[in-house]
Amino acid sequence: MTNARQVLTFGTRDEMADFMVEKWAALSGEAVEKRGRFTAALSGGETPVLFYLRLASAGERLSWKNTHLFLADERFVSLDNADSNYHLISETLLKNVPIPAGNIHAVPAGESDLQLAAAKYEEEIIKFFALPAGVFPEFDLIMLGMGADGHTASLFPGDIILNDTRHIAAPVSYDKVKHDRITLTLPVINNARTVIFLVSGKAKVSVLRGVADDRDPRFPASLVNPQKGDLLFLADAEAAHL
């Protein structure tokens, strides 16, 4: 199958969230049928909240017992901190669906050392996917957002982590953000079966055009190009204005 690259626009965020629920159902159903499980890495931020709430109310048609959830990135704060991506996802989704606790793979951000937290998260992923040395995991879905500066996950413009081709998870210290972070690396993102960006709001107009249309290499999000999988940009009318 040839990998697809699409930009889909929606009149409202509600329409975008509803589409994403159906896309999730299709991807998870196919993954469970073919491989016995569905693996997804999720992102935080304001844009996916409505989707998480809608997904939580999608009912029993989703196979939560066969779903394993990871995070695309996380802030180096405790999991109950208001700034934690896990906390946001837990409040909007995880607490409201029958997913086994063992199927939730949080970043160990409570560690005392940032490097250790990244190493432990990488070890968790290697163990789960039973990866040989030097092999990257193949997530069924990685969901991403996009900052006004073109960052995605915790991959920021000009950061050395953009050149990391060895690690699965990496520590990030970036002077323009409040917290240190742990992120999946580009080789992991580009090895996914499907990558979906959720983009909303007027502040994202220029960067969405720069990434989706121009592939401007100054924006880390432009470096997301799944080698074997599909790449989708879902944007509301405000973000897709150009």
C-alpha atoms as a PDB file:
ATOM      1  CA  MET A   1       0.000   0.000   0.000  1.00  0.00           C
ATOM      2  CA  THR A   2       1.349   3.425  -0.917  1.00  0.00           C
ATOM      3  CA  ASN A   3       1.535   5.790   2.018  1.00  0.00           C
ATOM      4  CA  ALA A   4      -0.869   8.723   1.889  1.00  0.00           C
ATOM      5  CA  ARG A   5      -0.380  12.389   2.819  1.00  0.00           C
ATOM      6  CA  GLN A   6      -3.609  14.334   3.272  1.00  0.00           C
ATOM      7  CA  VAL A   7      -4.872  17.606   4.677  1.00  0.00           C
ATOM      8  CA  LEU A   8      -8.499  17.437   5.807  1.00  0.00           C
ATOM      9  CA  THR A   9     -10.320  20.579   6.901  1.00  0.00           C
ATOM     10  CA  PHE A  10     -13.399  20.842   9.104  1.00  0.00           C
ATOM     11  CA  GLY A  11     -15.822  23.667   9.727  1.00  0.00           C
ATOM     12  CA  THR A  12     -15.694  23.215  13.497  1.00  0.00           C
ATOM     13  CA  ARG A  13     -13.612  21.463  16.124  1.00  0.00           C
ATOM     14  CA  ASP A  14     -16.633  19.304  16.902  1.00  0.00           C
ATOM     15  CA  GLU A  15     -16.633  17.941  13.348  1.00  0.00           C
ATOM     16  CA  MET A  16     -12.895  17.312  13.571  1.00  0.00           C
ATOM     17  CA  ALA A  17     -13.277  15.454  16.877  1.00  0.00           C
ATOM     18  CA  ASP A  18     -16.115  13.309  15.521  1.00  0.00           C
ATOM     19  CA  PHE A  19     -14.050  12.393  12.457  1.00  0.00           C
ATOM     20  CA  MET A  20     -11.121  11.485  14.671  1.00  0.00           C
ATOM     21  CA  VAL A  21     -13.273   9.155  16.767  1.00  0.00           C
ATOM     22  CA  GLU A  22     -14.317   7.278  13.624  1.00  0.00           C
ATOM     23  CA  LYS A  23     -10.719   7.186  12.411  1.00  0.00           C
ATOM     24  CA  TRP A  24      -9.595   5.808  15.765  1.00  0.00           C
ATOM     25  CA  ALA A  25     -12.301   3.138  15.641  1.00  0.00           C
ATOM     26  CA  ALA A  26     -11.228   2.081  12.141  1.00  0.00           C
ATOM     27  CA  LEU A  27      -7.513   2.005  12.930  1.00  0.00           C
ATOM     28  CA  SER A  28      -7.946   0.194  16.229  1.00  0.00           C
ATOM     29  CA  GLY A  29     -10.339  -2.351  14.747  1.00  0.00           C
ATOM     30  CA  GLU A  30      -7.935  -3.144  11.930  1.00  0.00           C
ATOM     31  CA  ALA A  31      -4.950  -3.395  14.274  1.00  0.00           C
ATOM     32  CA  VAL A  32      -6.705  -5.721  16.710  1.00  0.00           C
ATOM     33  CA  GLU A  33      -7.927  -7.916  13.871  1.00  0.00           C
ATOM     34  CA  LYS A  34      -4.497  -8.162  12.234  1.00  0.00           C
ATOM     35  CA  ARG A  35      -2.101  -8.025  15.202  1.00  0.00           C
ATOM     36  CA  GLY A  36      -4.210  -8.625  18.290  1.00  0.00           C
ATOM     37  CA  ARG A  37      -3.615  -5.173  19.776  1.00  0.00           C
ATOM     38  CA  PHE A  38      -3.740  -1.449  19.025  1.00  0.00           C
ATOM     39  CA  THR A  39      -0.844   0.771  20.048  1.00  0.00           C
ATOM     40  CA  ALA A  40      -1.195   4.558  20.110  1.00  0.00           C
ATOM     41  CA  ALA A  41       0.960   7.421  21.363  1.00  0.00           C
ATOM     42  CA  LEU A  42      -1.050  10.466  22.437  1.00  0.00           C
ATOM     43  CA  SER A  43      -0.253  14.156  22.867  1.00  0.00           C
ATOM     44  CA  GLY A  44      -1.390  16.803  25.307  1.00  0.00           C
ATOM     45  CA  GLY A  45      -2.438  20.371  24.672  1.00  0.00           C
ATOM     46  CA  GLU A  46      -5.795  22.065  24.231  1.00  0.00           C
ATOM     47  CA  THR A  47      -6.645  20.854  20.723  1.00  0.00           C
ATOM     48  CA  PRO A  48      -7.148  17.108  21.401  1.00  0.00           C
ATOM     49  CA  VAL A  49      -9.241  17.581  24.562  1.00  0.00           C
ATOM     50  CA  LEU A  50     -12.574  17.543  22.735  1.00  0.00           C
ATOM     51  CA  PHE A  51     -11.513  14.413  20.863  1.00  0.00           C
ATOM     52  CA  TYR A  52     -10.546  12.646  24.101  1.00  0.00           C
ATOM     53  CA  LEU A  53     -13.904  13.502  25.629  1.00  0.00           C
ATOM     54  CA  ARG A  54     -15.749  12.216  22.550  1.00  0.00           C
ATOM     55  CA  LEU A  55     -13.619   9.074  22.450  1.00  0.00           C
ATOM     56  CA  ALA A  56     -14.413   8.368  26.087  1.00  0.00           C
ATOM     57  CA  SER A  57     -18.126   8.334  25.242  1.00  0.00           C
ATOM     58  CA  ALA A  58     -17.752   6.166  22.144  1.00  0.00           C
ATOM     59  CA  GLY A  59     -19.075   3.110  23.965  1.00  0.00           C
ATOM     60  CA  GLU A  60     -18.232  -0.554  23.910  1.00  0.00           C
ATOM     61  CA  ARG A  61     -17.490  -0.694  20.183  1.00  0.00           C
ATOM     62  CA  LEU A  62     -13.857   0.073  20.988  1.00  0.00           C
ATOM     63  CA  SER A  63     -11.663  -2.761  22.227  1.00  0.00           C
ATOM     64  CA  TRP A  64     -10.030  -1.099  25.217  1.00  0.00           C
ATOM     65  CA  LYS A  65      -8.698  -4.372  26.609  1.00  0.00           C
ATOM     66  CA  ASN A  66      -6.565  -4.706  23.473  1.00  0.00           C
ATOM     67  CA  THR A  67      -5.534  -1.031  23.375  1.00  0.00           C
ATOM     68  CA  HIS A  68      -2.155   0.131  24.696  1.00  0.00           C
ATOM     69  CA  LEU A  69      -1.602   3.850  25.169  1.00  0.00           C
ATOM     70  CA  PHE A  70       1.721   5.699  25.318  1.00  0.00           C
ATOM     71  CA  LEU A  71       2.635   9.384  25.226  1.00  0.00           C
ATOM     72  CA  ALA A  72       4.358  11.172  22.370  1.00  0.00           C
ATOM     73  CA  ASP A  73       5.945  13.474  24.920  1.00  0.00           C
ATOM     74  CA  GLU A  74       5.672  14.546  28.536  1.00  0.00           C
ATOM     75  CA  ARG A  75       6.721  17.395  30.775  1.00  0.00           C
ATOM     76  CA  PHE A  76       9.158  16.508  33.552  1.00  0.00           C
ATOM     77  CA  VAL A  77       6.621  17.007  36.340  1.00  0.00           C
ATOM     78  CA  SER A  78       4.674  14.644  38.576  1.00  0.00           C
ATOM     79  CA  LEU A  79       1.824  12.801  36.883  1.00  0.00           C
ATOM     80  CA  ASP A  80      -0.765  14.648  38.974  1.00  0.00           C
ATOM     81  CA  ASN A  81       0.642  18.063  38.053  1.00  0.00           C
ATOM     82  CA  ALA A  82      -1.753  20.275  36.089  1.00  0.00           C
ATOM     83  CA  ASP A  83       0.969  20.711  33.418  1.00  0.00           C
ATOM     84  CA  SER A  84       1.345  16.946  32.887  1.00  0.00           C
ATOM     85  CA  ASN A  85       0.129  15.552  29.581  1.00  0.00           C
ATOM     86  CA  TYR A  86      -0.698  12.306  31.372  1.00  0.00           C
ATOM     87  CA  HIS A  87      -2.867  14.212  33.848  1.00  0.00           C
ATOM     88  CA  LEU A  88      -4.817  15.873  31.029  1.00  0.00           C
ATOM     89  CA  ILE A  89      -5.311  12.596  29.162  1.00  0.00           C
ATOM     90  CA  SER A  90      -6.237  10.779  32.355  1.00  0.00           C
ATOM     91  CA  GLU A  91      -8.917  13.318  33.296  1.00  0.00           C
ATOM     92  CA  THR A  92     -10.472  13.514  29.829  1.00  0.00           C
ATOM     93  CA  LEU A  93     -10.089   9.918  28.627  1.00  0.00           C
ATOM     94  CA  LEU A  94      -8.430   7.268  30.779  1.00  0.00           C
ATOM     95  CA  LYS A  95     -10.661   7.621  33.827  1.00  0.00           C
ATOM     96  CA  ASN A  96     -13.724   7.283  31.616  1.00  0.00           C
ATOM     97  CA  VAL A  97     -12.940   4.124  29.631  1.00  0.00           C
ATOM     98  CA  PRO A  98     -12.483   0.463  30.671  1.00  0.00           C
ATOM     99  CA  ILE A  99      -8.802   0.252  29.763  1.00  0.00           C
ATOM    100  CA  PRO A 100      -6.717  -2.047  31.994  1.00  0.00           C
ATOM    101  CA  ALA A 101      -4.171  -0.180  34.103  1.00  0.00           C
ATOM    102  CA  GLY A 102      -1.395  -2.322  32.630  1.00  0.00           C
ATOM    103  CA  ASN A 103      -2.248  -1.005  29.164  1.00  0.00           C
ATOM    104  CA  ILE A 104      -1.364   2.575  30.105  1.00  0.00           C
ATOM    105  CA  HIS A 105       2.325   3.313  29.584  1.00  0.00           C
ATOM    106  CA  ALA A 106       3.028   6.672  31.207  1.00  0.00           C
ATOM    107  CA  VAL A 107       6.374   8.408  31.044  1.00  0.00           C
ATOM    108  CA  PRO A 108       8.093   7.964  34.443  1.00  0.00           C
ATOM    109  CA  ALA A 109       8.343  11.719  34.921  1.00  0.00           C
ATOM    110  CA  GLY A 110       8.428  11.368  38.700  1.00  0.00           C
ATOM    111  CA  GLU A 111      12.064  10.272  38.566  1.00  0.00           C
ATOM    112  CA  SER A 112      14.630  12.566  40.149  1.00  0.00           C
ATOM    113  CA  ASP A 113      16.718  12.753  36.972  1.00  0.00           C
ATOM    114  CA  LEU A 114      15.554  13.750  33.481  1.00  0.00           C
ATOM    115  CA  GLN A 115      18.018  11.465  31.701  1.00  0.00           C
ATOM    116  CA  LEU A 116      16.933   8.522  33.842  1.00  0.00           C
ATOM    117  CA  ALA A 117      13.257   9.184  33.130  1.00  0.00           C
ATOM    118  CA  ALA A 118      13.910   9.173  29.363  1.00  0.00           C
ATOM    119  CA  ALA A 119      15.997   5.991  29.622  1.00  0.00           C
ATOM    120  CA  LYS A 120      13.294   4.208  31.636  1.00  0.00           C
ATOM    121  CA  TYR A 121      10.596   5.209  29.157  1.00  0.00           C
ATOM    122  CA  GLU A 122      12.751   3.909  26.316  1.00  0.00           C
ATOM    123  CA  GLU A 123      13.283   0.632  28.207  1.00  0.00           C
ATOM    124  CA  GLU A 124       9.525   0.308  28.731  1.00  0.00           C
ATOM    125  CA  ILE A 125       8.894   0.666  24.982  1.00  0.00           C
ATOM    126  CA  ILE A 126      11.702  -1.742  24.055  1.00  0.00           C
ATOM    127  CA  LYS A 127      10.309  -4.339  26.463  1.00  0.00           C
ATOM    128  CA  PHE A 128       6.713  -3.931  25.297  1.00  0.00           C
ATOM    129  CA  PHE A 129       7.516  -4.221  21.597  1.00  0.00           C
ATOM    130  CA  ALA A 130      10.238  -6.846  22.224  1.00  0.00           C
ATOM    131  CA  LEU A 131      12.642  -4.835  20.094  1.00  0.00           C
ATOM    132  CA  PRO A 132      16.069  -6.092  19.023  1.00  0.00           C
ATOM    133  CA  ALA A 133      18.939  -3.634  19.412  1.00  0.00           C
ATOM    134  CA  GLY A 134      18.775  -0.741  16.959  1.00  0.00           C
ATOM    135  CA  VAL A 135      15.154  -1.358  15.912  1.00  0.00           C
ATOM    136  CA  PHE A 136      12.440   1.274  16.365  1.00  0.00           C
ATOM    137  CA  PRO A 137       8.868   0.480  17.458  1.00  0.00           C
ATOM    138  CA  GLU A 138       6.036   0.578  14.951  1.00  0.00           C
ATOM    139  CA  PHE A 139       3.096   2.305  16.602  1.00  0.00           C
ATOM    140  CA  ASP A 140      -0.267   1.873  14.931  1.00  0.00           C
ATOM    141  CA  LEU A 141      -1.013   5.555  15.560  1.00  0.00           C
ATOM    142  CA  ILE A 142       0.918   8.569  16.777  1.00  0.00           C
ATOM    143  CA  MET A 143      -1.178  11.665  17.429  1.00  0.00           C
ATOM    144  CA  LEU A 144       0.606  15.002  17.341  1.00  0.00           C
ATOM    145  CA  GLY A 145      -0.080  18.652  17.806  1.00  0.00           C
ATOM    146  CA  MET A 146       1.738  21.594  16.285  1.00  0.00           C
ATOM    147  CA  GLY A 147       2.989  24.699  18.033  1.00  0.00           C
ATOM    148  CA  ALA A 148       3.008  28.155  16.496  1.00  0.00           C
ATOM    149  CA  ASP A 149       6.805  27.790  16.262  1.00  0.00           C
ATOM    150  CA  GLY A 150       6.433  24.557  14.297  1.00  0.00           C
ATOM    151  CA  HIS A 151       7.379  22.238  17.145  1.00  0.00           C
ATOM    152  CA  THR A 152       5.674  18.890  17.552  1.00  0.00           C
ATOM    153  CA  ALA A 153       5.804  16.444  20.456  1.00  0.00           C
ATOM    154  CA  SER A 154       8.765  18.042  22.302  1.00  0.00           C
ATOM    155  CA  LEU A 155      10.858  18.463  19.171  1.00  0.00           C
ATOM    156  CA  PHE A 156      11.729  22.162  19.027  1.00  0.00           C
ATOM    157  CA  PRO A 157      13.336  24.294  16.293  1.00  0.00           C
ATOM    158  CA  GLY A 158      17.100  23.988  16.263  1.00  0.00           C
ATOM    159  CA  ASP A 159      17.269  21.474  19.102  1.00  0.00           C
ATOM    160  CA  ILE A 160      19.958  18.796  18.939  1.00  0.00           C
ATOM    161  CA  ILE A 161      17.347  16.089  19.551  1.00  0.00           C
ATOM    162  CA  LEU A 162      16.164  16.557  15.961  1.00  0.00           C
ATOM    163  CA  ASN A 163      19.368  14.806  14.856  1.00  0.00           C
ATOM    164  CA  ASP A 164      19.003  11.855  17.245  1.00  0.00           C
ATOM    165  CA  THR A 165      18.863   8.643  15.209  1.00  0.00           C
ATOM    166  CA  ARG A 166      19.708   6.214  18.027  1.00  0.00           C
ATOM    167  CA  HIS A 167      17.224   6.725  20.811  1.00  0.00           C
ATOM    168  CA  ILE A 168      13.522   5.944  21.084  1.00  0.00           C
ATOM    169  CA  ALA A 169      12.889   8.462  23.857  1.00  0.00           C
ATOM    170  CA  ALA A 170      15.080  11.446  24.619  1.00  0.00           C
ATOM    171  CA  PRO A 171      15.386  14.109  27.334  1.00  0.00           C
ATOM    172  CA  VAL A 172      14.722  17.695  26.252  1.00  0.00           C
ATOM    173  CA  SER A 173      15.990  20.857  27.944  1.00  0.00           C
ATOM    174  CA  TYR A 174      14.853  23.845  25.904  1.00  0.00           C
ATOM    175  CA  ASP A 175      15.229  27.333  27.269  1.00  0.00           C
ATOM    176  CA  LYS A 176      11.999  28.679  25.734  1.00  0.00           C
ATOM    177  CA  VAL A 177       9.657  26.310  27.605  1.00  0.00           C
ATOM    178  CA  LYS A 178       8.747  26.157  31.282  1.00  0.00           C
ATOM    179  CA  HIS A 179       9.556  22.493  31.964  1.00  0.00           C
ATOM    180  CA  ASP A 180      12.154  20.001  30.818  1.00  0.00           C
ATOM    181  CA  ARG A 181      10.551  17.197  28.809  1.00  0.00           C
ATOM    182  CA  ILE A 182      10.822  13.646  27.492  1.00  0.00           C
ATOM    183  CA  THR A 183       9.892  13.012  23.864  1.00  0.00           C
ATOM    184  CA  LEU A 184       9.677  10.277  21.283  1.00  0.00           C
ATOM    185  CA  THR A 185      12.318  10.887  18.639  1.00  0.00           C
ATOM    186  CA  LEU A 186      11.777  11.536  14.934  1.00  0.00           C
ATOM    187  CA  PRO A 187      12.802   8.004  13.843  1.00  0.00           C
ATOM    188  CA  VAL A 188      10.051   6.590  16.078  1.00  0.00           C
ATOM    189  CA  ILE A 189       7.425   8.996  14.775  1.00  0.00           C
ATOM    190  CA  ASN A 190       8.442   8.316  11.181  1.00  0.00           C
ATOM    191  CA  ASN A 191       8.183   4.562  11.743  1.00  0.00           C
ATOM    192  CA  ALA A 192       4.494   4.690  12.701  1.00  0.00           C
ATOM    193  CA  ARG A 193       1.765   3.139  10.584  1.00  0.00           C
ATOM    194  CA  THR A 194      -0.305   6.323  10.855  1.00  0.00           C
ATOM    195  CA  VAL A 195       0.582   9.816  12.095  1.00  0.00           C
ATOM    196  CA  ILE A 196      -2.197  12.352  12.602  1.00  0.00           C
ATOM    197  CA  PHE A 197      -1.741  16.041  13.397  1.00  0.00           C
ATOM    198  CA  LEU A 198      -4.640  17.833  15.076  1.00  0.00           C
ATOM    199  CA  VAL A 199      -4.365  21.568  14.408  1.00  0.00           C
ATOM    200  CA  SER A 200      -6.783  24.303  15.451  1.00  0.00           C
ATOM    201  CA  GLY A 201      -6.949  28.050  15.912  1.00  0.00           C
ATOM    202  CA  LYS A 202      -5.900  31.203  14.081  1.00  0.00           C
ATOM    203  CA  ALA A 203      -2.426  31.121  15.638  1.00  0.00           C
ATOM    204  CA  LYS A 204      -1.605  28.019  13.587  1.00  0.00           C
ATOM    205  CA  VAL A 205      -2.482  29.409  10.144  1.00  0.00           C
ATOM    206  CA  SER A 206       1.049  30.242   8.996  1.00  0.00           C
ATOM    207  CA  VAL A 207       2.755  27.227  10.512  1.00  0.00           C
ATOM    208  CA  LEU A 208       0.206  24.789   9.097  1.00  0.00           C
ATOM    209  CA  ARG A 209       0.832  26.189   5.636  1.00  0.00           C
ATOM    210  CA  GLY A 210       4.592  26.066   6.195  1.00  0.00           C
ATOM    211  CA  VAL A 211       4.444  22.436   7.281  1.00  0.00           C
ATOM    212  CA  ALA A 212       1.652  20.869   5.229  1.00  0.00           C
ATOM    213  CA  ASP A 213       2.201  22.789   1.966  1.00  0.00           C
ATOM    214  CA  ASP A 214       5.801  23.990   1.969  1.00  0.00           C
ATOM    215  CA  ARG A 215       7.494  21.381   4.200  1.00  0.00           C
ATOM    216  CA  ASP A 216       9.628  24.207   5.567  1.00  0.00           C
ATOM    217  CA  PRO A 217      12.585  22.450   7.255  1.00  0.00           C
ATOM    218  CA  ARG A 218      12.815  25.192   9.873  1.00  0.00           C
ATOM    219  CA  PHE A 219       9.703  23.662  11.446  1.00  0.00           C
ATOM    220  CA  PRO A 220      10.303  20.319  13.205  1.00  0.00           C
ATOM    221  CA  ALA A 221       6.761  19.243  12.268  1.00  0.00           C
ATOM    222  CA  SER A 222       7.883  19.355   8.608  1.00  0.00           C
ATOM    223  CA  LEU A 223      10.354  16.568   9.386  1.00  0.00           C
ATOM    224  CA  VAL A 224       7.502  14.186  10.170  1.00  0.00           C
ATOM    225  CA  ASN A 225       7.246  11.983   7.104  1.00  0.00           C
ATOM    226  CA  PRO A 226       6.292   8.370   7.858  1.00  0.00           C
ATOM    227  CA  GLN A 227       8.379   6.074   5.684  1.00  0.00           C
ATOM    228  CA  LYS A 228       5.776   3.317   5.443  1.00  0.00           C
ATOM    229  CA  GLY A 229       2.673   4.861   6.957  1.00  0.00           C
ATOM    230  CA  ASP A 230       0.045   7.517   6.355  1.00  0.00           C
ATOM    231  CA  LEU A 231       0.283  11.170   7.362  1.00  0.00           C
ATOM    232  CA  LEU A 232      -2.886  13.171   8.004  1.00  0.00           C
ATOM    233  CA  PHE A 233      -3.351  16.799   8.969  1.00  0.00           C
ATOM    234  CA  LEU A 234      -6.759  17.508  10.505  1.00  0.00           C
ATOM    235  CA  ALA A 235      -7.430  21.227  10.781  1.00  0.00           C
ATOM    236  CA  ASP A 236     -10.371  23.370  11.752  1.00  0.00           C
ATOM    237  CA  ALA A 237     -11.478  26.259   9.559  1.00  0.00           C
ATOM    238  CA  GLU A 238      -9.450  28.828  11.514  1.00  0.00           C
ATOM    239  CA  ALA A 239      -6.149  26.958  11.196  1.00  0.00           C
ATOM    240  CA  ALA A 240      -6.769  26.017   7.553  1.00  0.00           C
ATOM    241  CA  HIS A 241      -7.573  29.567   6.449  1.00  0.00           C
ATOM    242  CA  LEU A 242      -4.593  29.676   4.065  1.00  0.00           C
END
